[in-house]
Amino acid sequence: MKYEAGYNAAYAEIYAALDDLDHPRRCDGCRPCEVMKATLEWMMQGLSRRLTQEEFYSLARVLKSAEGNAIGEWQNKPSDTV
């Protein structure tokens, strides 16, 4: 039972970081972000081995564009702090 509570708590922290759009702006490298970063790096390494170079570059361009869109949304969002 203790194991399950800790397991669920870890996922709760990750989901909380994912759900908070302002989190990346104010994060200083928390554990959930480190786990998400490692997961993305692992995924991209796997994809780089399975996709052609052209497919991988196309994916990288799509992700870069999505990142730019997300940054634009974060910058246009009114601040909660005054």
N, C-alpha and C. Protein backbone atom coordinates (compact mmCIF):
# COMPACT_ATOMS: atom_id res chain seq x y z
N MET A 1 0.82 -1.19 0.00
CA MET A 1 0.00 0.00 0.00
C MET A 1 0.87 1.26 0.00
N LYS A 2 1.96 1.28 0.79
CA LYS A 2 2.86 2.43 0.82
C LYS A 2 3.48 2.66 -0.55
N TYR A 3 3.88 1.55 -1.19
CA TYR A 3 4.49 1.65 -2.51
C TYR A 3 3.53 2.32 -3.49
N GLU A 4 2.27 1.89 -3.48
CA GLU A 4 1.28 2.44 -4.40
C GLU A 4 1.05 3.93 -4.14
N ALA A 5 1.03 4.34 -2.89
CA ALA A 5 0.84 5.76 -2.56
C ALA A 5 2.00 6.59 -3.09
N GLY A 6 3.22 6.11 -2.92
CA GLY A 6 4.39 6.82 -3.44
C GLY A 6 4.40 6.86 -4.96
N TYR A 7 4.04 5.75 -5.57
CA TYR A 7 3.97 5.65 -7.03
C TYR A 7 2.96 6.65 -7.57
N ASN A 8 1.79 6.69 -6.98
CA ASN A 8 0.74 7.62 -7.42
C ASN A 8 1.14 9.07 -7.16
N ALA A 9 1.84 9.33 -6.06
CA ALA A 9 2.27 10.69 -5.74
C ALA A 9 3.26 11.19 -6.79
N ALA A 10 4.15 10.33 -7.24
CA ALA A 10 5.12 10.72 -8.26
C ALA A 10 4.40 11.13 -9.55
N TYR A 11 3.43 10.35 -9.95
CA TYR A 11 2.68 10.70 -11.15
C TYR A 11 1.85 11.96 -10.93
N ALA A 12 1.34 12.15 -9.75
CA ALA A 12 0.57 13.37 -9.46
C ALA A 12 1.45 14.61 -9.62
N GLU A 13 2.71 14.52 -9.19
CA GLU A 13 3.64 15.66 -9.35
C GLU A 13 3.90 15.94 -10.82
N ILE A 14 4.07 14.90 -11.61
CA ILE A 14 4.34 15.08 -13.04
C ILE A 14 3.12 15.68 -13.72
N TYR A 15 1.94 15.15 -13.42
CA TYR A 15 0.72 15.70 -14.04
C TYR A 15 0.48 17.14 -13.61
N ALA A 16 0.79 17.48 -12.38
CA ALA A 16 0.62 18.87 -11.92
C ALA A 16 1.54 19.80 -12.70
N ALA A 17 2.78 19.35 -12.95
CA ALA A 17 3.72 20.17 -13.73
C ALA A 17 3.26 20.30 -15.17
N LEU A 18 2.70 19.23 -15.73
CA LEU A 18 2.21 19.28 -17.11
C LEU A 18 1.00 20.20 -17.24
N ASP A 19 0.13 20.19 -16.25
CA ASP A 19 -1.11 20.96 -16.32
C ASP A 19 -0.91 22.45 -16.08
N ASP A 20 0.18 22.82 -15.45
CA ASP A 20 0.45 24.22 -15.13
C ASP A 20 1.25 24.85 -16.28
N LEU A 21 0.59 25.64 -17.12
CA LEU A 21 1.25 26.23 -18.28
C LEU A 21 2.38 27.18 -17.90
N ASP A 22 2.32 27.77 -16.73
CA ASP A 22 3.38 28.69 -16.29
C ASP A 22 4.56 27.97 -15.65
N HIS A 23 4.42 26.69 -15.41
CA HIS A 23 5.46 25.93 -14.72
C HIS A 23 6.84 26.06 -15.39
N PRO A 24 6.95 25.86 -16.72
CA PRO A 24 8.29 25.93 -17.32
C PRO A 24 8.98 27.28 -17.14
N ARG A 25 8.21 28.35 -17.07
CA ARG A 25 8.79 29.68 -16.92
C ARG A 25 9.44 29.88 -15.57
N ARG A 26 8.88 29.26 -14.53
CA ARG A 26 9.39 29.51 -13.19
C ARG A 26 10.11 28.31 -12.58
N CYS A 27 10.25 27.24 -13.36
CA CYS A 27 10.88 26.02 -12.83
C CYS A 27 12.39 26.15 -12.85
N ASP A 28 13.02 25.66 -11.79
CA ASP A 28 14.47 25.68 -11.72
C ASP A 28 15.05 24.27 -11.83
N GLY A 29 14.31 23.36 -12.48
CA GLY A 29 14.80 22.00 -12.66
C GLY A 29 14.27 21.03 -11.63
N CYS A 30 12.96 21.08 -11.37
CA CYS A 30 12.37 20.19 -10.38
C CYS A 30 12.41 18.74 -10.88
N ARG A 31 12.19 17.82 -9.99
CA ARG A 31 12.25 16.40 -10.33
C ARG A 31 11.25 16.01 -11.42
N PRO A 32 9.98 16.46 -11.38
CA PRO A 32 9.07 16.11 -12.47
C PRO A 32 9.59 16.59 -13.83
N CYS A 33 10.16 17.78 -13.90
CA CYS A 33 10.69 18.28 -15.17
C CYS A 33 11.89 17.45 -15.63
N GLU A 34 12.73 17.04 -14.69
CA GLU A 34 13.88 16.20 -15.04
C GLU A 34 13.41 14.86 -15.60
N VAL A 35 12.36 14.28 -15.01
CA VAL A 35 11.81 13.01 -15.50
C VAL A 35 11.23 13.20 -16.90
N MET A 36 10.48 14.28 -17.11
CA MET A 36 9.89 14.53 -18.42
C MET A 36 10.98 14.77 -19.46
N LYS A 37 12.03 15.49 -19.09
CA LYS A 37 13.14 15.75 -20.01
C LYS A 37 13.83 14.44 -20.40
N ALA A 38 14.10 13.59 -19.43
CA ALA A 38 14.76 12.31 -19.70
C ALA A 38 13.87 11.43 -20.59
N THR A 39 12.57 11.47 -20.35
CA THR A 39 11.64 10.68 -21.16
C THR A 39 11.64 11.17 -22.60
N LEU A 40 11.59 12.48 -22.79
CA LEU A 40 11.62 13.04 -24.15
C LEU A 40 12.94 12.74 -24.86
N GLU A 41 14.04 12.83 -24.14
CA GLU A 41 15.33 12.50 -24.74
C GLU A 41 15.37 11.05 -25.18
N TRP A 42 14.88 10.15 -24.34
CA TRP A 42 14.83 8.73 -24.66
C TRP A 42 13.96 8.49 -25.89
N MET A 43 12.80 9.16 -25.94
CA MET A 43 11.88 9.00 -27.06
C MET A 43 12.52 9.51 -28.35
N MET A 44 13.16 10.67 -28.30
CA MET A 44 13.78 11.24 -29.50
C MET A 44 14.94 10.37 -29.99
N GLN A 45 15.70 9.79 -29.08
CA GLN A 45 16.79 8.89 -29.48
C GLN A 45 16.22 7.67 -30.19
N GLY A 46 15.13 7.12 -29.66
CA GLY A 46 14.50 5.97 -30.30
C GLY A 46 13.94 6.32 -31.67
N LEU A 47 13.31 7.48 -31.78
CA LEU A 47 12.77 7.90 -33.06
C LEU A 47 13.89 8.15 -34.08
N SER A 48 15.00 8.70 -33.62
CA SER A 48 16.11 8.99 -34.54
C SER A 48 16.64 7.71 -35.17
N ARG A 49 16.51 6.59 -34.47
CA ARG A 49 16.97 5.31 -35.02
C ARG A 49 15.94 4.69 -35.97
N ARG A 50 14.67 5.05 -35.81
CA ARG A 50 13.62 4.41 -36.59
C ARG A 50 13.13 5.23 -37.77
N LEU A 51 13.34 6.53 -37.73
CA LEU A 51 12.89 7.40 -38.81
C LEU A 51 14.04 7.68 -39.77
N THR A 52 13.70 7.99 -41.01
CA THR A 52 14.74 8.44 -41.93
C THR A 52 15.20 9.81 -41.47
N GLN A 53 16.33 10.25 -41.98
CA GLN A 53 16.85 11.55 -41.59
C GLN A 53 15.84 12.64 -41.95
N GLU A 54 15.23 12.55 -43.12
CA GLU A 54 14.24 13.54 -43.54
C GLU A 54 13.02 13.54 -42.61
N GLU A 55 12.55 12.35 -42.25
CA GLU A 55 11.40 12.26 -41.34
C GLU A 55 11.74 12.85 -39.97
N PHE A 56 12.94 12.55 -39.49
CA PHE A 56 13.34 13.06 -38.18
C PHE A 56 13.45 14.58 -38.19
N TYR A 57 14.03 15.15 -39.25
CA TYR A 57 14.13 16.60 -39.36
C TYR A 57 12.74 17.24 -39.45
N SER A 58 11.82 16.57 -40.17
CA SER A 58 10.45 17.09 -40.25
C SER A 58 9.80 17.11 -38.87
N LEU A 59 10.00 16.04 -38.11
CA LEU A 59 9.47 15.98 -36.75
C LEU A 59 10.08 17.08 -35.89
N ALA A 60 11.38 17.28 -36.01
CA ALA A 60 12.05 18.32 -35.23
C ALA A 60 11.49 19.71 -35.58
N ARG A 61 11.22 19.95 -36.86
CA ARG A 61 10.64 21.24 -37.27
C ARG A 61 9.24 21.43 -36.69
N VAL A 62 8.44 20.36 -36.70
CA VAL A 62 7.09 20.43 -36.14
C VAL A 62 7.16 20.74 -34.65
N LEU A 63 8.05 20.06 -33.93
CA LEU A 63 8.19 20.29 -32.49
C LEU A 63 8.69 21.70 -32.20
N LYS A 64 9.62 22.20 -33.01
CA LYS A 64 10.13 23.56 -32.82
C LYS A 64 9.02 24.58 -33.04
N SER A 65 8.18 24.34 -34.05
CA SER A 65 7.05 25.22 -34.32
C SER A 65 6.06 25.20 -33.15
N ALA A 66 5.79 24.00 -32.63
CA ALA A 66 4.88 23.88 -31.48
C ALA A 66 5.44 24.60 -30.27
N GLU A 67 6.74 24.50 -30.07
CA GLU A 67 7.38 25.20 -28.96
C GLU A 67 7.21 26.71 -29.11
N GLY A 68 7.41 27.21 -30.33
CA GLY A 68 7.24 28.64 -30.57
C GLY A 68 5.81 29.09 -30.31
N ASN A 69 4.85 28.27 -30.73
CA ASN A 69 3.44 28.60 -30.48
C ASN A 69 3.14 28.62 -28.98
N ALA A 70 3.68 27.66 -28.24
CA ALA A 70 3.44 27.60 -26.80
C ALA A 70 4.06 28.80 -26.10
N ILE A 71 5.26 29.17 -26.51
CA ILE A 71 5.92 30.34 -25.91
C ILE A 71 5.10 31.59 -26.18
N GLY A 72 4.59 31.70 -27.42
CA GLY A 72 3.75 32.85 -27.75
C GLY A 72 2.50 32.91 -26.90
N GLU A 73 1.88 31.76 -26.65
CA GLU A 73 0.69 31.73 -25.80
C GLU A 73 1.04 32.12 -24.38
N TRP A 74 2.18 31.62 -23.86
CA TRP A 74 2.57 31.95 -22.48
C TRP A 74 2.85 33.44 -22.35
N GLN A 75 3.46 34.03 -23.36
CA GLN A 75 3.80 35.45 -23.29
C GLN A 75 2.55 36.33 -23.38
N ASN A 76 1.53 35.86 -24.08
CA ASN A 76 0.30 36.64 -24.22
C ASN A 76 -0.70 36.42 -23.10
N LYS A 77 -0.43 35.43 -22.23
CA LYS A 77 -1.33 35.13 -21.15
C LYS A 77 -1.16 36.18 -20.06
N PRO A 78 -2.26 36.77 -19.56
CA PRO A 78 -2.12 37.74 -18.48
C PRO A 78 -1.52 37.11 -17.23
N SER A 79 -0.67 37.83 -16.57
CA SER A 79 -0.01 37.33 -15.37
C SER A 79 -0.98 37.25 -14.21
N ASP A 80 -0.83 36.19 -13.41
CA ASP A 80 -1.66 36.03 -12.21
C ASP A 80 -1.13 36.86 -11.06
N THR A 81 0.13 37.28 -11.16
CA THR A 81 0.71 38.08 -10.08
C THR A 81 0.70 39.54 -10.46
N VAL A 82 0.42 40.37 -9.50
CA VAL A 82 0.40 41.82 -9.77
C VAL A 82 1.32 42.52 -8.81
